[in-house]
Amino acid sequence: MSVSSLVLLLVLAVLFFGAIAIYNRLVNLRARYRNAFAQIEVQLKRRYDLIPNLVETAKAYLKHERETLEAVIAARNAAVAGLKAAASQPGAPAALAQLASAEGALGGALGRLNVTLEAYPDLKASQNLQQLTEELSSTENKVAFARQAYNDAVMEYNAYRQSFPAVVLAANFGHKADVAQLEFADSQQIQDAPKVAF
């Protein structure tokens, strides 16, 4: 074998193993952002499970505030549907926009419920309501942390996918488009979880 054949063989081997490394890194980064979204999903499901308990606890005191309670339940159900759509396609811009919109509506409904509950001091003193409020606040913090971890993983994936030499091979490996971050229309919402305090 000649020297030029060995050099060519060596170059082809380097290219082959480089392509394998790029593919494996893309797969790893995709798995990381999908796992990060799964953590958001877990926390949002927990939050959605707490809301009916909150409404049931308040229902006895808020007989004349039926519209407010129904609005909270409707917003919760819309958020559950938004989460299901986003979970079926983690990173899809349309699905994440639907989830963000539903979460914004739910935050608004919970805020209106909070204002309504201010007029009922006996309800605010309820042990069950205080416990639910504490669990909801804790879950809100976990959602914020999970959302940040997801956005960081998406940013790392998108940056690597767009960098050279990965950008040359990414589309061929099934990594064609950027993944969307989970953002809300109101950027303040990212920093401040909806407050439900009694």
C-alpha atoms as a PDB file:
ATOM      1  CA  MET A   1       0.000   0.000   0.000  1.00  0.00           C
ATOM      2  CA  SER A   2       1.277   3.408  -0.874  1.00  0.00           C
ATOM      3  CA  VAL A   3       1.601   6.360   1.489  1.00  0.00           C
ATOM      4  CA  SER A   4      -1.181   8.254  -0.314  1.00  0.00           C
ATOM      5  CA  SER A   5      -3.529   5.269   0.126  1.00  0.00           C
ATOM      6  CA  LEU A   6      -2.747   5.138   3.842  1.00  0.00           C
ATOM      7  CA  VAL A   7      -3.336   8.889   4.189  1.00  0.00           C
ATOM      8  CA  LEU A   8      -6.642   8.589   2.331  1.00  0.00           C
ATOM      9  CA  LEU A   9      -7.663   5.639   4.503  1.00  0.00           C
ATOM     10  CA  LEU A  10      -6.716   7.581   7.635  1.00  0.00           C
ATOM     11  CA  VAL A  11      -8.724  10.640   6.494  1.00  0.00           C
ATOM     12  CA  LEU A  12     -11.769   8.471   5.750  1.00  0.00           C
ATOM     13  CA  ALA A  13     -11.474   6.799   9.170  1.00  0.00           C
ATOM     14  CA  VAL A  14     -11.293  10.193  10.898  1.00  0.00           C
ATOM     15  CA  LEU A  15     -14.340  11.420   8.962  1.00  0.00           C
ATOM     16  CA  PHE A  16     -16.270   8.228   9.722  1.00  0.00           C
ATOM     17  CA  PHE A  17     -15.562   8.315  13.452  1.00  0.00           C
ATOM     18  CA  GLY A  18     -16.167  12.083  13.533  1.00  0.00           C
ATOM     19  CA  ALA A  19     -19.613  11.554  11.979  1.00  0.00           C
ATOM     20  CA  ILE A  20     -20.361   8.876  14.575  1.00  0.00           C
ATOM     21  CA  ALA A  21     -19.344  11.259  17.366  1.00  0.00           C
ATOM     22  CA  ILE A  22     -21.576  14.032  15.970  1.00  0.00           C
ATOM     23  CA  TYR A  23     -24.534  11.643  15.646  1.00  0.00           C
ATOM     24  CA  ASN A  24     -24.111  10.358  19.198  1.00  0.00           C
ATOM     25  CA  ARG A  25     -23.827  13.884  20.607  1.00  0.00           C
ATOM     26  CA  LEU A  26     -26.995  14.992  18.789  1.00  0.00           C
ATOM     27  CA  VAL A  27     -28.882  11.965  20.117  1.00  0.00           C
ATOM     28  CA  ASN A  28     -27.598  12.611  23.635  1.00  0.00           C
ATOM     29  CA  LEU A  29     -28.594  16.287  23.553  1.00  0.00           C
ATOM     30  CA  ARG A  30     -32.057  15.432  22.181  1.00  0.00           C
ATOM     31  CA  ALA A  31     -32.539  12.904  24.981  1.00  0.00           C
ATOM     32  CA  ARG A  32     -31.547  15.552  27.528  1.00  0.00           C
ATOM     33  CA  TYR A  33     -34.083  18.141  26.388  1.00  0.00           C
ATOM     34  CA  ARG A  34     -36.813  15.497  26.155  1.00  0.00           C
ATOM     35  CA  ASN A  35     -36.022  14.342  29.679  1.00  0.00           C
ATOM     36  CA  ALA A  36     -36.066  17.946  30.861  1.00  0.00           C
ATOM     37  CA  PHE A  37     -39.511  18.384  29.312  1.00  0.00           C
ATOM     38  CA  ALA A  38     -40.662  15.199  31.052  1.00  0.00           C
ATOM     39  CA  GLN A  39     -39.713  16.842  34.365  1.00  0.00           C
ATOM     40  CA  ILE A  40     -41.879  19.849  33.504  1.00  0.00           C
ATOM     41  CA  GLU A  41     -44.695  17.457  32.650  1.00  0.00           C
ATOM     42  CA  VAL A  42     -44.415  15.712  36.041  1.00  0.00           C
ATOM     43  CA  GLN A  43     -44.588  18.989  37.949  1.00  0.00           C
ATOM     44  CA  LEU A  44     -47.440  20.416  35.876  1.00  0.00           C
ATOM     45  CA  LYS A  45     -49.474  17.219  36.352  1.00  0.00           C
ATOM     46  CA  ARG A  46     -48.927  17.528  40.095  1.00  0.00           C
ATOM     47  CA  ARG A  47     -50.073  21.134  39.925  1.00  0.00           C
ATOM     48  CA  TYR A  48     -53.150  20.204  37.889  1.00  0.00           C
ATOM     49  CA  ASP A  49     -54.005  17.488  40.425  1.00  0.00           C
ATOM     50  CA  LEU A  50     -53.856  19.994  43.295  1.00  0.00           C
ATOM     51  CA  ILE A  51     -56.197  22.527  41.698  1.00  0.00           C
ATOM     52  CA  PRO A  52     -59.429  20.464  41.959  1.00  0.00           C
ATOM     53  CA  ASN A  53     -58.659  19.897  45.656  1.00  0.00           C
ATOM     54  CA  LEU A  54     -58.231  23.639  46.088  1.00  0.00           C
ATOM     55  CA  VAL A  55     -61.564  24.291  44.364  1.00  0.00           C
ATOM     56  CA  GLU A  56     -63.353  21.625  46.437  1.00  0.00           C
ATOM     57  CA  THR A  57     -61.995  23.101  49.659  1.00  0.00           C
ATOM     58  CA  ALA A  58     -63.147  26.578  48.654  1.00  0.00           C
ATOM     59  CA  LYS A  59     -66.505  25.471  47.224  1.00  0.00           C
ATOM     60  CA  ALA A  60     -68.334  25.314  50.566  1.00  0.00           C
ATOM     61  CA  TYR A  61     -67.416  28.918  51.339  1.00  0.00           C
ATOM     62  CA  LEU A  62     -67.837  30.291  47.833  1.00  0.00           C
ATOM     63  CA  LYS A  63     -71.391  29.291  47.002  1.00  0.00           C
ATOM     64  CA  HIS A  64     -71.996  32.679  45.365  1.00  0.00           C
ATOM     65  CA  GLU A  65     -68.730  32.608  43.402  1.00  0.00           C
ATOM     66  CA  ARG A  66     -69.530  29.709  41.108  1.00  0.00           C
ATOM     67  CA  GLU A  67     -68.279  31.514  37.973  1.00  0.00           C
ATOM     68  CA  THR A  68     -64.819  31.965  39.482  1.00  0.00           C
ATOM     69  CA  LEU A  69     -64.560  28.301  40.454  1.00  0.00           C
ATOM     70  CA  GLU A  70     -65.772  27.160  37.039  1.00  0.00           C
ATOM     71  CA  ALA A  71     -63.242  29.451  35.350  1.00  0.00           C
ATOM     72  CA  VAL A  72     -60.414  27.877  37.356  1.00  0.00           C
ATOM     73  CA  ILE A  73     -61.543  24.356  36.432  1.00  0.00           C
ATOM     74  CA  ALA A  74     -61.962  25.293  32.753  1.00  0.00           C
ATOM     75  CA  ALA A  75     -58.497  26.884  32.681  1.00  0.00           C
ATOM     76  CA  ARG A  76     -57.043  23.820  34.388  1.00  0.00           C
ATOM     77  CA  ASN A  77     -58.634  21.515  31.820  1.00  0.00           C
ATOM     78  CA  ALA A  78     -57.299  23.648  28.961  1.00  0.00           C
ATOM     79  CA  ALA A  79     -53.826  23.529  30.524  1.00  0.00           C
ATOM     80  CA  VAL A  80     -54.041  19.726  30.830  1.00  0.00           C
ATOM     81  CA  ALA A  81     -54.905  19.525  27.123  1.00  0.00           C
ATOM     82  CA  GLY A  82     -52.035  21.882  26.283  1.00  0.00           C
ATOM     83  CA  LEU A  83     -49.630  19.732  28.282  1.00  0.00           C
ATOM     84  CA  LYS A  84     -50.781  16.571  26.494  1.00  0.00           C
ATOM     85  CA  ALA A  85     -50.189  18.222  23.119  1.00  0.00           C
ATOM     86  CA  ALA A  86     -46.752  19.471  24.146  1.00  0.00           C
ATOM     87  CA  ALA A  87     -45.783  16.134  25.691  1.00  0.00           C
ATOM     88  CA  SER A  88     -46.576  14.330  22.450  1.00  0.00           C
ATOM     89  CA  GLN A  89     -44.173  16.661  20.594  1.00  0.00           C
ATOM     90  CA  PRO A  90     -41.583  18.063  23.037  1.00  0.00           C
ATOM     91  CA  GLY A  91     -39.940  21.072  21.469  1.00  0.00           C
ATOM     92  CA  ALA A  92     -42.575  21.691  18.776  1.00  0.00           C
ATOM     93  CA  PRO A  93     -43.171  25.470  18.633  1.00  0.00           C
ATOM     94  CA  ALA A  94     -46.960  25.266  18.115  1.00  0.00           C
ATOM     95  CA  ALA A  95     -47.458  22.788  20.958  1.00  0.00           C
ATOM     96  CA  LEU A  96     -45.320  24.832  23.348  1.00  0.00           C
ATOM     97  CA  ALA A  97     -47.155  28.027  22.374  1.00  0.00           C
ATOM     98  CA  GLN A  98     -50.481  26.300  23.143  1.00  0.00           C
ATOM     99  CA  LEU A  99     -49.140  25.160  26.524  1.00  0.00           C
ATOM    100  CA  ALA A 100     -47.797  28.633  27.319  1.00  0.00           C
ATOM    101  CA  SER A 101     -51.145  30.224  26.434  1.00  0.00           C
ATOM    102  CA  ALA A 102     -53.082  27.717  28.562  1.00  0.00           C
ATOM    103  CA  GLU A 103     -50.696  28.226  31.479  1.00  0.00           C
ATOM    104  CA  GLY A 104     -51.164  31.992  31.213  1.00  0.00           C
ATOM    105  CA  ALA A 105     -54.947  31.580  31.335  1.00  0.00           C
ATOM    106  CA  LEU A 106     -54.653  29.245  34.323  1.00  0.00           C
ATOM    107  CA  GLY A 107     -52.429  31.711  36.150  1.00  0.00           C
ATOM    108  CA  GLY A 108     -54.985  34.448  35.522  1.00  0.00           C
ATOM    109  CA  ALA A 109     -57.863  32.276  36.772  1.00  0.00           C
ATOM    110  CA  LEU A 110     -55.934  31.358  39.920  1.00  0.00           C
ATOM    111  CA  GLY A 111     -55.173  35.032  40.486  1.00  0.00           C
ATOM    112  CA  ARG A 112     -58.892  35.898  40.264  1.00  0.00           C
ATOM    113  CA  LEU A 113     -59.647  33.062  42.703  1.00  0.00           C
ATOM    114  CA  ASN A 114     -57.067  34.475  45.093  1.00  0.00           C
ATOM    115  CA  VAL A 115     -58.700  37.914  44.957  1.00  0.00           C
ATOM    116  CA  THR A 116     -62.111  36.342  45.582  1.00  0.00           C
ATOM    117  CA  LEU A 117     -60.837  34.332  48.552  1.00  0.00           C
ATOM    118  CA  GLU A 118     -59.517  37.464  50.231  1.00  0.00           C
ATOM    119  CA  ALA A 119     -63.118  38.278  51.160  1.00  0.00           C
ATOM    120  CA  TYR A 120     -63.485  35.024  53.169  1.00  0.00           C
ATOM    121  CA  PRO A 121     -61.275  35.112  56.298  1.00  0.00           C
ATOM    122  CA  ASP A 122     -62.700  31.818  57.638  1.00  0.00           C
ATOM    123  CA  LEU A 123     -61.614  30.076  54.460  1.00  0.00           C
ATOM    124  CA  LYS A 124     -58.147  31.642  54.592  1.00  0.00           C
ATOM    125  CA  ALA A 125     -57.737  30.204  58.100  1.00  0.00           C
ATOM    126  CA  SER A 126     -58.655  26.675  56.970  1.00  0.00           C
ATOM    127  CA  GLN A 127     -55.880  24.147  57.612  1.00  0.00           C
ATOM    128  CA  ASN A 128     -56.678  22.233  54.412  1.00  0.00           C
ATOM    129  CA  LEU A 129     -56.489  25.388  52.334  1.00  0.00           C
ATOM    130  CA  GLN A 130     -53.207  26.434  53.912  1.00  0.00           C
ATOM    131  CA  GLN A 131     -51.709  23.003  53.200  1.00  0.00           C
ATOM    132  CA  LEU A 132     -52.923  23.065  49.581  1.00  0.00           C
ATOM    133  CA  THR A 133     -51.521  26.551  49.145  1.00  0.00           C
ATOM    134  CA  GLU A 134     -48.138  25.436  50.459  1.00  0.00           C
ATOM    135  CA  GLU A 135     -48.073  22.424  48.115  1.00  0.00           C
ATOM    136  CA  LEU A 136     -49.112  24.575  45.164  1.00  0.00           C
ATOM    137  CA  SER A 137     -46.392  27.138  45.893  1.00  0.00           C
ATOM    138  CA  SER A 138     -43.787  24.402  46.192  1.00  0.00           C
ATOM    139  CA  THR A 139     -44.941  22.899  42.908  1.00  0.00           C
ATOM    140  CA  GLU A 140     -44.788  26.304  41.206  1.00  0.00           C
ATOM    141  CA  ASN A 141     -41.146  26.594  42.220  1.00  0.00           C
ATOM    142  CA  LYS A 142     -40.422  23.114  40.885  1.00  0.00           C
ATOM    143  CA  VAL A 143     -42.115  23.997  37.589  1.00  0.00           C
ATOM    144  CA  ALA A 144     -39.927  27.100  37.292  1.00  0.00           C
ATOM    145  CA  PHE A 145     -36.750  25.096  37.906  1.00  0.00           C
ATOM    146  CA  ALA A 146     -37.814  22.356  35.484  1.00  0.00           C
ATOM    147  CA  ARG A 147     -38.661  24.951  32.833  1.00  0.00           C
ATOM    148  CA  GLN A 148     -35.233  26.534  33.242  1.00  0.00           C
ATOM    149  CA  ALA A 149     -33.512  23.145  32.922  1.00  0.00           C
ATOM    150  CA  TYR A 150     -35.525  22.424  29.769  1.00  0.00           C
ATOM    151  CA  ASN A 151     -34.676  25.787  28.205  1.00  0.00           C
ATOM    152  CA  ASP A 152     -30.980  25.270  29.016  1.00  0.00           C
ATOM    153  CA  ALA A 153     -31.027  21.795  27.422  1.00  0.00           C
ATOM    154  CA  VAL A 154     -32.804  23.148  24.330  1.00  0.00           C
ATOM    155  CA  MET A 155     -30.307  25.983  24.015  1.00  0.00           C
ATOM    156  CA  GLU A 156     -27.385  23.544  24.200  1.00  0.00           C
ATOM    157  CA  TYR A 157     -28.992  21.234  21.621  1.00  0.00           C
ATOM    158  CA  ASN A 158     -29.766  24.088  19.197  1.00  0.00           C
ATOM    159  CA  ALA A 159     -26.287  25.593  19.572  1.00  0.00           C
ATOM    160  CA  TYR A 160     -24.571  22.273  18.900  1.00  0.00           C
ATOM    161  CA  ARG A 161     -26.882  21.439  15.987  1.00  0.00           C
ATOM    162  CA  GLN A 162     -26.063  24.795  14.381  1.00  0.00           C
ATOM    163  CA  SER A 163     -22.304  24.591  14.954  1.00  0.00           C
ATOM    164  CA  PHE A 164     -19.766  23.315  12.447  1.00  0.00           C
ATOM    165  CA  PRO A 165     -19.327  20.446  11.571  1.00  0.00           C
ATOM    166  CA  ALA A 166     -22.610  19.224  13.144  1.00  0.00           C
ATOM    167  CA  VAL A 167     -24.671  21.589  10.964  1.00  0.00           C
ATOM    168  CA  VAL A 168     -23.414  19.752   7.868  1.00  0.00           C
ATOM    169  CA  LEU A 169     -24.640  16.360   9.097  1.00  0.00           C
ATOM    170  CA  ALA A 170     -27.524  17.156  11.470  1.00  0.00           C
ATOM    171  CA  ALA A 171     -30.278  17.187   8.839  1.00  0.00           C
ATOM    172  CA  ASN A 172     -29.068  13.865   7.458  1.00  0.00           C
ATOM    173  CA  PHE A 173     -29.286  12.389  10.948  1.00  0.00           C
ATOM    174  CA  GLY A 174     -32.909  13.545  11.435  1.00  0.00           C
ATOM    175  CA  HIS A 175     -32.164  16.753  13.351  1.00  0.00           C
ATOM    176  CA  LYS A 176     -33.609  19.237  10.858  1.00  0.00           C
ATOM    177  CA  ALA A 177     -35.072  22.111  12.852  1.00  0.00           C
ATOM    178  CA  ASP A 178     -34.384  24.060  16.007  1.00  0.00           C
ATOM    179  CA  VAL A 179     -36.312  23.035  19.088  1.00  0.00           C
ATOM    180  CA  ALA A 180     -38.484  25.709  20.715  1.00  0.00           C
ATOM    181  CA  GLN A 181     -37.926  26.905  24.249  1.00  0.00           C
ATOM    182  CA  LEU A 182     -40.841  27.096  26.667  1.00  0.00           C
ATOM    183  CA  GLU A 183     -41.577  30.803  26.966  1.00  0.00           C
ATOM    184  CA  PHE A 184     -44.599  32.756  28.023  1.00  0.00           C
ATOM    185  CA  ALA A 185     -46.079  35.815  26.325  1.00  0.00           C
ATOM    186  CA  ASP A 186     -45.431  37.772  29.504  1.00  0.00           C
ATOM    187  CA  SER A 187     -41.726  37.379  30.309  1.00  0.00           C
ATOM    188  CA  GLN A 188     -42.444  38.292  33.929  1.00  0.00           C
ATOM    189  CA  GLN A 189     -44.421  35.051  34.196  1.00  0.00           C
ATOM    190  CA  ILE A 190     -41.204  33.098  33.730  1.00  0.00           C
ATOM    191  CA  GLN A 191     -39.714  34.729  36.786  1.00  0.00           C
ATOM    192  CA  ASP A 192     -42.842  34.911  38.927  1.00  0.00           C
ATOM    193  CA  ALA A 193     -44.978  31.810  39.293  1.00  0.00           C
ATOM    194  CA  PRO A 194     -48.686  32.502  39.814  1.00  0.00           C
ATOM    195  CA  LYS A 195     -49.275  33.295  43.480  1.00  0.00           C
ATOM    196  CA  VAL A 196     -52.070  31.563  45.331  1.00  0.00           C
ATOM    197  CA  ALA A 197     -51.869  32.822  48.893  1.00  0.00           C
ATOM    198  CA  PHE A 198     -54.663  32.788  51.425  1.00  0.00           C
END
